[in-house]
């Protein structure tokens, strides 16, 4: 197992998820005193696991036809475009 790669992915995803709408939605569910906190926690965990599995599966399929270097460039450009759009709309 490549622990350095695993920790890099963990750190990137963990920092990207802090304060995003997924965490805020989970926080709002947990604010209700009539809801089970374990159910909220496990529901959120399952959702993140499934979305990560879809990302890994899709990335594997896409990388079979497109060079990962180009995927990295395209992703960077899309992030910049989305960032500019968000700044423009604000």
C-alpha atoms as a PDB file:
ATOM      1  CA  UNK A   1       0.000   0.000   0.000  1.00  0.00           C
ATOM      2  CA  UNK A   2       1.260   3.472  -0.883  1.00  0.00           C
ATOM      3  CA  UNK A   3       0.760   5.395   2.359  1.00  0.00           C
ATOM      4  CA  UNK A   4       2.223   8.632   1.006  1.00  0.00           C
ATOM      5  CA  UNK A   5      -0.342   8.662  -1.816  1.00  0.00           C
ATOM      6  CA  UNK A   6      -3.133   7.752   0.591  1.00  0.00           C
ATOM      7  CA  UNK A   7      -2.205  10.594   2.951  1.00  0.00           C
ATOM      8  CA  UNK A   8      -1.953  13.048   0.047  1.00  0.00           C
ATOM      9  CA  UNK A   9      -5.436  12.121  -1.148  1.00  0.00           C
ATOM     10  CA  UNK A  10      -6.783  12.185   2.426  1.00  0.00           C
ATOM     11  CA  UNK A  11      -5.351  15.642   3.081  1.00  0.00           C
ATOM     12  CA  UNK A  12      -6.587  17.045  -0.240  1.00  0.00           C
ATOM     13  CA  UNK A  13     -10.119  15.697   0.145  1.00  0.00           C
ATOM     14  CA  UNK A  14     -10.312  16.549   3.853  1.00  0.00           C
ATOM     15  CA  UNK A  15      -9.303  20.172   3.282  1.00  0.00           C
ATOM     16  CA  UNK A  16     -11.573  20.486   0.242  1.00  0.00           C
ATOM     17  CA  UNK A  17     -14.564  19.171   2.198  1.00  0.00           C
ATOM     18  CA  UNK A  18     -14.143  21.485   5.198  1.00  0.00           C
ATOM     19  CA  UNK A  19     -16.905  24.069   5.176  1.00  0.00           C
ATOM     20  CA  UNK A  20     -18.440  22.989   1.894  1.00  0.00           C
ATOM     21  CA  UNK A  21     -22.159  22.520   1.314  1.00  0.00           C
ATOM     22  CA  UNK A  22     -21.971  18.811   2.180  1.00  0.00           C
ATOM     23  CA  UNK A  23     -20.654  19.576   5.641  1.00  0.00           C
ATOM     24  CA  UNK A  24     -23.179  22.385   6.108  1.00  0.00           C
ATOM     25  CA  UNK A  25     -26.062  20.088   5.096  1.00  0.00           C
ATOM     26  CA  UNK A  26     -24.865  17.452   7.568  1.00  0.00           C
ATOM     27  CA  UNK A  27     -24.557  20.123  10.263  1.00  0.00           C
ATOM     28  CA  UNK A  28     -28.134  21.260   9.612  1.00  0.00           C
ATOM     29  CA  UNK A  29     -29.458  17.709   9.919  1.00  0.00           C
ATOM     30  CA  UNK A  30     -27.577  17.312  13.206  1.00  0.00           C
ATOM     31  CA  UNK A  31     -29.050  20.554  14.602  1.00  0.00           C
ATOM     32  CA  UNK A  32     -32.469  18.930  14.920  1.00  0.00           C
ATOM     33  CA  UNK A  33     -32.711  17.497  18.435  1.00  0.00           C
ATOM     34  CA  UNK A  34     -35.252  14.898  17.285  1.00  0.00           C
ATOM     35  CA  UNK A  35     -32.863  13.173  14.887  1.00  0.00           C
ATOM     36  CA  UNK A  36     -30.444  10.342  15.592  1.00  0.00           C
ATOM     37  CA  UNK A  37     -26.865  11.543  15.351  1.00  0.00           C
ATOM     38  CA  UNK A  38     -25.536   8.066  14.518  1.00  0.00           C
ATOM     39  CA  UNK A  39     -27.923   7.816  11.563  1.00  0.00           C
ATOM     40  CA  UNK A  40     -26.827  11.212  10.294  1.00  0.00           C
ATOM     41  CA  UNK A  41     -23.161  10.296  10.698  1.00  0.00           C
ATOM     42  CA  UNK A  42     -23.476   6.932   8.933  1.00  0.00           C
ATOM     43  CA  UNK A  43     -25.693   8.380   6.191  1.00  0.00           C
ATOM     44  CA  UNK A  44     -23.128  11.103   5.489  1.00  0.00           C
ATOM     45  CA  UNK A  45     -20.298   8.547   5.553  1.00  0.00           C
ATOM     46  CA  UNK A  46     -22.073   6.265   3.084  1.00  0.00           C
ATOM     47  CA  UNK A  47     -22.782   9.195   0.761  1.00  0.00           C
ATOM     48  CA  UNK A  48     -19.125  10.297   0.789  1.00  0.00           C
ATOM     49  CA  UNK A  49     -17.929   6.718   0.262  1.00  0.00           C
ATOM     50  CA  UNK A  50     -20.267   6.242  -2.699  1.00  0.00           C
ATOM     51  CA  UNK A  51     -19.379   9.586  -4.293  1.00  0.00           C
ATOM     52  CA  UNK A  52     -15.673   8.783  -3.861  1.00  0.00           C
ATOM     53  CA  UNK A  53     -16.171   5.337  -5.395  1.00  0.00           C
ATOM     54  CA  UNK A  54     -17.904   6.923  -8.394  1.00  0.00           C
ATOM     55  CA  UNK A  55     -14.989   9.362  -8.736  1.00  0.00           C
ATOM     56  CA  UNK A  56     -12.411   6.572  -8.666  1.00  0.00           C
ATOM     57  CA  UNK A  57     -14.400   4.457 -11.130  1.00  0.00           C
ATOM     58  CA  UNK A  58     -15.002   7.382 -13.506  1.00  0.00           C
ATOM     59  CA  UNK A  59     -11.371   8.462 -13.264  1.00  0.00           C
ATOM     60  CA  UNK A  60     -10.223   4.953 -14.125  1.00  0.00           C
ATOM     61  CA  UNK A  61     -12.478   4.811 -17.170  1.00  0.00           C
ATOM     62  CA  UNK A  62     -11.616   8.291 -18.405  1.00  0.00           C
ATOM     63  CA  UNK A  63      -7.874   7.730 -17.983  1.00  0.00           C
ATOM     64  CA  UNK A  64      -8.089   4.756 -20.364  1.00  0.00           C
ATOM     65  CA  UNK A  65      -8.982   7.110 -23.230  1.00  0.00           C
ATOM     66  CA  UNK A  66      -7.524  10.478 -22.178  1.00  0.00           C
ATOM     67  CA  UNK A  67      -3.973  11.059 -20.954  1.00  0.00           C
ATOM     68  CA  UNK A  68      -4.071  11.857 -17.204  1.00  0.00           C
ATOM     69  CA  UNK A  69      -1.846  14.890 -17.870  1.00  0.00           C
ATOM     70  CA  UNK A  70      -4.562  16.391 -20.069  1.00  0.00           C
ATOM     71  CA  UNK A  71      -7.236  15.538 -17.501  1.00  0.00           C
ATOM     72  CA  UNK A  72      -5.200  17.514 -14.962  1.00  0.00           C
ATOM     73  CA  UNK A  73      -5.003  20.498 -17.319  1.00  0.00           C
ATOM     74  CA  UNK A  74      -8.720  20.348 -18.117  1.00  0.00           C
ATOM     75  CA  UNK A  75      -9.582  20.111 -14.404  1.00  0.00           C
ATOM     76  CA  UNK A  76      -7.403  23.111 -13.594  1.00  0.00           C
ATOM     77  CA  UNK A  77      -8.955  25.181 -16.350  1.00  0.00           C
ATOM     78  CA  UNK A  78     -12.473  24.218 -15.220  1.00  0.00           C
ATOM     79  CA  UNK A  79     -11.672  25.185 -11.614  1.00  0.00           C
ATOM     80  CA  UNK A  80     -10.412  28.576 -12.807  1.00  0.00           C
ATOM     81  CA  UNK A  81     -13.522  29.110 -14.949  1.00  0.00           C
ATOM     82  CA  UNK A  82     -15.833  28.155 -12.077  1.00  0.00           C
ATOM     83  CA  UNK A  83     -13.880  30.403  -9.686  1.00  0.00           C
ATOM     84  CA  UNK A  84     -14.147  33.346 -12.083  1.00  0.00           C
ATOM     85  CA  UNK A  85     -17.859  32.693 -12.544  1.00  0.00           C
ATOM     86  CA  UNK A  86     -18.415  32.627  -8.766  1.00  0.00           C
ATOM     87  CA  UNK A  87     -16.437  35.856  -8.299  1.00  0.00           C
ATOM     88  CA  UNK A  88     -18.329  37.495 -11.143  1.00  0.00           C
ATOM     89  CA  UNK A  89     -21.709  36.494  -9.688  1.00  0.00           C
ATOM     90  CA  UNK A  90     -20.740  37.731  -6.197  1.00  0.00           C
END
